Amino acid sequence: MWSSDSLTHWGVAGLFFANFFFTEEGSDIYEWVGYSLVALVVVRLCWGLITDSPARLSRFSPSVTAAIEHLKEVKQTKRDTHQGHNPAGALMVWFIWLNLLLIGLSGWAMGTDAFWGEDWVKEVHEFFVNLTMLAVCGHVFAVFAMTKITKNNYLKGIIKGHR
């Protein structure tokens, strides 16, 4: 059974990849896919405020220190016993969400009278798009690496929303 967390995860992923690879930059469909993506991120954040599941935002606050400690522990024990996002994953998730919101904000700003035709706004938008793609690649790599190291099936959890 699909959870709200996994539906928003795969919805955001699908929309991001659609805009990155398939839609024409600046087209109406590109803009609407982008707005839909931001709306899904906002829905996920709102869901994270009210749910009582491992998807609750307060259960995985971003912390560089906690992420480093977690990775040291995994290296030593070859285990990850976290329910939901582990500290390293939490840091990545928050980073990606922030980037997606900045992409949406900069994309919206490009269409306003105040920033219409401003090259620096387009450059900011493209920077965050490319930074997000790098983060997504790192995220996918980490899922496979952690699966190999810990023998936990992270992909199953991501698909079904209970990792």
C-alpha atoms as a PDB file:
ATOM      1  CA  MET A   1       0.000   0.000   0.000  1.00  0.00           C
ATOM      2  CA  TRP A   2       1.278   3.448  -0.921  1.00  0.00           C
ATOM      3  CA  SER A   3       1.583   6.044   1.822  1.00  0.00           C
ATOM      4  CA  SER A   4       1.125   9.807   1.497  1.00  0.00           C
ATOM      5  CA  ASP A   5       4.883  10.143   1.993  1.00  0.00           C
ATOM      6  CA  SER A   6       5.732   7.804  -0.873  1.00  0.00           C
ATOM      7  CA  LEU A   7       3.121   9.373  -3.164  1.00  0.00           C
ATOM      8  CA  THR A   8       4.561  12.839  -2.630  1.00  0.00           C
ATOM      9  CA  HIS A   9       8.123  11.467  -2.924  1.00  0.00           C
ATOM     10  CA  TRP A  10       7.503   9.854  -6.299  1.00  0.00           C
ATOM     11  CA  GLY A  11       5.272  12.700  -7.472  1.00  0.00           C
ATOM     12  CA  VAL A  12       7.990  15.257  -6.753  1.00  0.00           C
ATOM     13  CA  ALA A  13      10.631  13.013  -8.327  1.00  0.00           C
ATOM     14  CA  GLY A  14       8.534  12.468 -11.453  1.00  0.00           C
ATOM     15  CA  LEU A  15       7.730  16.155 -11.880  1.00  0.00           C
ATOM     16  CA  PHE A  16      11.353  17.187 -11.328  1.00  0.00           C
ATOM     17  CA  PHE A  17      12.618  14.693 -13.905  1.00  0.00           C
ATOM     18  CA  ALA A  18       9.833  15.656 -16.337  1.00  0.00           C
ATOM     19  CA  ASN A  19      10.887  19.297 -16.230  1.00  0.00           C
ATOM     20  CA  PHE A  20      14.595  18.530 -16.276  1.00  0.00           C
ATOM     21  CA  PHE A  21      14.529  16.132 -19.221  1.00  0.00           C
ATOM     22  CA  PHE A  22      11.301  16.452 -21.189  1.00  0.00           C
ATOM     23  CA  THR A  23       9.562  19.824 -21.079  1.00  0.00           C
ATOM     24  CA  GLU A  24      10.671  22.905 -22.962  1.00  0.00           C
ATOM     25  CA  GLU A  25      12.214  25.446 -20.608  1.00  0.00           C
ATOM     26  CA  GLY A  26       9.918  28.440 -20.186  1.00  0.00           C
ATOM     27  CA  SER A  27       6.916  26.799 -21.854  1.00  0.00           C
ATOM     28  CA  ASP A  28       3.486  26.827 -20.209  1.00  0.00           C
ATOM     29  CA  ILE A  29       3.756  23.114 -19.412  1.00  0.00           C
ATOM     30  CA  TYR A  30       7.201  23.680 -17.868  1.00  0.00           C
ATOM     31  CA  GLU A  31       5.757  26.362 -15.616  1.00  0.00           C
ATOM     32  CA  TRP A  32       2.727  24.300 -14.586  1.00  0.00           C
ATOM     33  CA  VAL A  33       4.853  21.233 -13.874  1.00  0.00           C
ATOM     34  CA  GLY A  34       7.061  23.470 -11.718  1.00  0.00           C
ATOM     35  CA  TYR A  35       4.075  24.941  -9.851  1.00  0.00           C
ATOM     36  CA  SER A  36       2.685  21.443  -9.312  1.00  0.00           C
ATOM     37  CA  LEU A  37       6.041  20.290  -7.983  1.00  0.00           C
ATOM     38  CA  VAL A  38       6.177  23.165  -5.474  1.00  0.00           C
ATOM     39  CA  ALA A  39       2.565  22.463  -4.461  1.00  0.00           C
ATOM     40  CA  LEU A  40       3.474  18.815  -3.772  1.00  0.00           C
ATOM     41  CA  VAL A  41       6.458  19.873  -1.640  1.00  0.00           C
ATOM     42  CA  VAL A  42       4.171  22.194   0.331  1.00  0.00           C
ATOM     43  CA  VAL A  43       1.596  19.394   0.737  1.00  0.00           C
ATOM     44  CA  ARG A  44       4.361  17.095   1.997  1.00  0.00           C
ATOM     45  CA  LEU A  45       5.578  19.712   4.476  1.00  0.00           C
ATOM     46  CA  CYS A  46       2.025  20.280   5.730  1.00  0.00           C
ATOM     47  CA  TRP A  47       1.493  16.525   6.013  1.00  0.00           C
ATOM     48  CA  GLY A  48       4.725  16.315   8.003  1.00  0.00           C
ATOM     49  CA  LEU A  49       3.311  18.770  10.533  1.00  0.00           C
ATOM     50  CA  ILE A  50       0.164  16.762  11.274  1.00  0.00           C
ATOM     51  CA  THR A  51       1.009  13.093  10.739  1.00  0.00           C
ATOM     52  CA  ASP A  52       1.984  10.806  13.587  1.00  0.00           C
ATOM     53  CA  SER A  53       4.138   8.561  11.407  1.00  0.00           C
ATOM     54  CA  PRO A  54       7.899   8.439  10.769  1.00  0.00           C
ATOM     55  CA  ALA A  55       7.148  11.047   8.063  1.00  0.00           C
ATOM     56  CA  ARG A  56       6.521  13.662  10.784  1.00  0.00           C
ATOM     57  CA  LEU A  57       8.954  16.537  10.242  1.00  0.00           C
ATOM     58  CA  SER A  58       9.961  16.729  13.898  1.00  0.00           C
ATOM     59  CA  ARG A  59      11.200  13.125  13.696  1.00  0.00           C
ATOM     60  CA  PHE A  60      13.954  13.989  11.258  1.00  0.00           C
ATOM     61  CA  SER A  61      15.292  17.453  11.875  1.00  0.00           C
ATOM     62  CA  PRO A  62      18.314  18.274   9.729  1.00  0.00           C
ATOM     63  CA  SER A  63      21.623  18.130  11.593  1.00  0.00           C
ATOM     64  CA  VAL A  64      25.075  17.924  10.065  1.00  0.00           C
ATOM     65  CA  THR A  65      26.491  16.663  13.371  1.00  0.00           C
ATOM     66  CA  ALA A  66      23.861  13.916  13.665  1.00  0.00           C
ATOM     67  CA  ALA A  67      24.410  12.917  10.025  1.00  0.00           C
ATOM     68  CA  ILE A  68      28.171  12.591  10.514  1.00  0.00           C
ATOM     69  CA  GLU A  69      27.703  10.583  13.725  1.00  0.00           C
ATOM     70  CA  HIS A  70      25.193   8.342  11.978  1.00  0.00           C
ATOM     71  CA  LEU A  71      27.557   7.653   9.076  1.00  0.00           C
ATOM     72  CA  LYS A  72      30.374   6.842  11.506  1.00  0.00           C
ATOM     73  CA  GLU A  73      28.057   4.425  13.321  1.00  0.00           C
ATOM     74  CA  VAL A  74      27.005   2.747  10.057  1.00  0.00           C
ATOM     75  CA  LYS A  75      30.635   2.417   9.005  1.00  0.00           C
ATOM     76  CA  GLN A  76      31.457   0.744  12.311  1.00  0.00           C
ATOM     77  CA  THR A  77      28.379  -1.444  12.833  1.00  0.00           C
ATOM     78  CA  LYS A  78      27.115  -1.961   9.255  1.00  0.00           C
ATOM     79  CA  ARG A  79      23.611  -1.330  10.681  1.00  0.00           C
ATOM     80  CA  ASP A  80      20.939   1.328  10.419  1.00  0.00           C
ATOM     81  CA  THR A  81      18.050   0.900  12.828  1.00  0.00           C
ATOM     82  CA  HIS A  82      16.254   4.190  12.152  1.00  0.00           C
ATOM     83  CA  GLN A  83      12.557   4.085  11.421  1.00  0.00           C
ATOM     84  CA  GLY A  84      11.945   6.583   8.660  1.00  0.00           C
ATOM     85  CA  HIS A  85      14.714   8.909   7.561  1.00  0.00           C
ATOM     86  CA  ASN A  86      18.081   8.410   9.193  1.00  0.00           C
ATOM     87  CA  PRO A  87      20.045  11.593  10.066  1.00  0.00           C
ATOM     88  CA  ALA A  88      22.049  11.576   6.818  1.00  0.00           C
ATOM     89  CA  GLY A  89      18.911  11.006   4.770  1.00  0.00           C
ATOM     90  CA  ALA A  90      17.089  13.725   6.702  1.00  0.00           C
ATOM     91  CA  LEU A  91      19.791  16.228   5.860  1.00  0.00           C
ATOM     92  CA  MET A  92      19.527  15.345   2.165  1.00  0.00           C
ATOM     93  CA  VAL A  93      15.717  15.479   2.158  1.00  0.00           C
ATOM     94  CA  TRP A  94      15.637  18.926   3.734  1.00  0.00           C
ATOM     95  CA  PHE A  95      18.360  20.115   1.326  1.00  0.00           C
ATOM     96  CA  ILE A  96      16.390  18.894  -1.695  1.00  0.00           C
ATOM     97  CA  TRP A  97      13.130  20.415  -0.409  1.00  0.00           C
ATOM     98  CA  LEU A  98      14.832  23.771   0.160  1.00  0.00           C
ATOM     99  CA  ASN A  99      16.346  23.696  -3.330  1.00  0.00           C
ATOM    100  CA  LEU A 100      12.999  22.807  -4.908  1.00  0.00           C
ATOM    101  CA  LEU A 101      11.315  25.715  -3.139  1.00  0.00           C
ATOM    102  CA  LEU A 102      14.116  28.059  -4.273  1.00  0.00           C
ATOM    103  CA  ILE A 103      13.698  26.775  -7.835  1.00  0.00           C
ATOM    104  CA  GLY A 104       9.991  27.503  -7.632  1.00  0.00           C
ATOM    105  CA  LEU A 105      10.540  30.953  -6.149  1.00  0.00           C
ATOM    106  CA  SER A 106      13.156  31.935  -8.724  1.00  0.00           C
ATOM    107  CA  GLY A 107      11.037  30.517 -11.554  1.00  0.00           C
ATOM    108  CA  TRP A 108       8.041  32.507 -10.379  1.00  0.00           C
ATOM    109  CA  ALA A 109      10.187  35.649  -9.980  1.00  0.00           C
ATOM    110  CA  MET A 110      11.315  35.430 -13.614  1.00  0.00           C
ATOM    111  CA  GLY A 111       7.730  36.039 -14.680  1.00  0.00           C
ATOM    112  CA  THR A 112       7.145  39.092 -12.497  1.00  0.00           C
ATOM    113  CA  ASP A 113       7.443  42.696 -13.657  1.00  0.00           C
ATOM    114  CA  ALA A 114      10.209  43.344 -11.123  1.00  0.00           C
ATOM    115  CA  PHE A 115      12.513  40.612 -12.448  1.00  0.00           C
ATOM    116  CA  TRP A 116      11.363  40.115 -16.054  1.00  0.00           C
ATOM    117  CA  GLY A 117      14.402  39.774 -18.304  1.00  0.00           C
ATOM    118  CA  GLU A 118      16.925  39.813 -15.444  1.00  0.00           C
ATOM    119  CA  ASP A 119      19.691  37.363 -16.324  1.00  0.00           C
ATOM    120  CA  TRP A 120      20.801  36.880 -12.712  1.00  0.00           C
ATOM    121  CA  VAL A 121      17.375  35.501 -11.740  1.00  0.00           C
ATOM    122  CA  LYS A 122      17.562  32.955 -14.568  1.00  0.00           C
ATOM    123  CA  GLU A 123      21.101  32.058 -13.480  1.00  0.00           C
ATOM    124  CA  VAL A 124      19.956  31.560  -9.872  1.00  0.00           C
ATOM    125  CA  HIS A 125      17.119  29.349 -11.128  1.00  0.00           C
ATOM    126  CA  GLU A 126      19.458  27.246 -13.274  1.00  0.00           C
ATOM    127  CA  PHE A 127      22.012  27.006 -10.460  1.00  0.00           C
ATOM    128  CA  PHE A 128      19.450  25.528  -8.073  1.00  0.00           C
ATOM    129  CA  VAL A 129      18.072  23.198 -10.754  1.00  0.00           C
ATOM    130  CA  ASN A 130      21.569  21.804 -11.380  1.00  0.00           C
ATOM    131  CA  LEU A 131      22.409  21.679  -7.658  1.00  0.00           C
ATOM    132  CA  THR A 132      19.197  19.751  -7.067  1.00  0.00           C
ATOM    133  CA  MET A 133      20.046  17.263  -9.813  1.00  0.00           C
ATOM    134  CA  LEU A 134      23.441  16.693  -8.171  1.00  0.00           C
ATOM    135  CA  ALA A 135      21.725  16.197  -4.810  1.00  0.00           C
ATOM    136  CA  VAL A 136      19.229  13.763  -6.337  1.00  0.00           C
ATOM    137  CA  CYS A 137      22.081  11.759  -7.883  1.00  0.00           C
ATOM    138  CA  GLY A 138      23.799  11.722  -4.477  1.00  0.00           C
ATOM    139  CA  HIS A 139      20.547  10.641  -2.857  1.00  0.00           C
ATOM    140  CA  VAL A 140      20.084   7.737  -5.284  1.00  0.00           C
ATOM    141  CA  PHE A 141      23.722   6.691  -4.860  1.00  0.00           C
ATOM    142  CA  ALA A 142      23.346   6.811  -1.057  1.00  0.00           C
ATOM    143  CA  VAL A 143      20.216   4.629  -1.161  1.00  0.00           C
ATOM    144  CA  PHE A 144      22.062   1.935  -3.093  1.00  0.00           C
ATOM    145  CA  ALA A 145      25.258   2.264  -1.024  1.00  0.00           C
ATOM    146  CA  MET A 146      23.368   2.070   2.278  1.00  0.00           C
ATOM    147  CA  THR A 147      21.400  -0.931   1.009  1.00  0.00           C
ATOM    148  CA  LYS A 148      24.656  -2.719   0.208  1.00  0.00           C
ATOM    149  CA  ILE A 149      26.324  -1.764   3.500  1.00  0.00           C
ATOM    150  CA  THR A 150      23.430  -2.405   5.900  1.00  0.00           C
ATOM    151  CA  LYS A 151      21.501  -5.048   3.947  1.00  0.00           C
ATOM    152  CA  ASN A 152      18.321  -2.987   4.553  1.00  0.00           C
ATOM    153  CA  ASN A 153      16.030  -2.723   1.546  1.00  0.00           C
ATOM    154  CA  TYR A 154      15.729   1.075   1.429  1.00  0.00           C
ATOM    155  CA  LEU A 155      14.158   1.056  -2.020  1.00  0.00           C
ATOM    156  CA  LYS A 156      11.266  -1.057  -0.777  1.00  0.00           C
ATOM    157  CA  GLY A 157      10.740   1.435   2.018  1.00  0.00           C
ATOM    158  CA  ILE A 158      10.850   4.359  -0.381  1.00  0.00           C
ATOM    159  CA  ILE A 159       8.349   2.689  -2.698  1.00  0.00           C
ATOM    160  CA  LYS A 160       5.949   1.696   0.071  1.00  0.00           C
ATOM    161  CA  GLY A 161       6.695   4.609   2.369  1.00  0.00           C
ATOM    162  CA  HIS A 162       7.684   2.724   5.503  1.00  0.00           C
ATOM    163  CA  ARG A 163      11.447   2.914   5.791  1.00  0.00           C
END
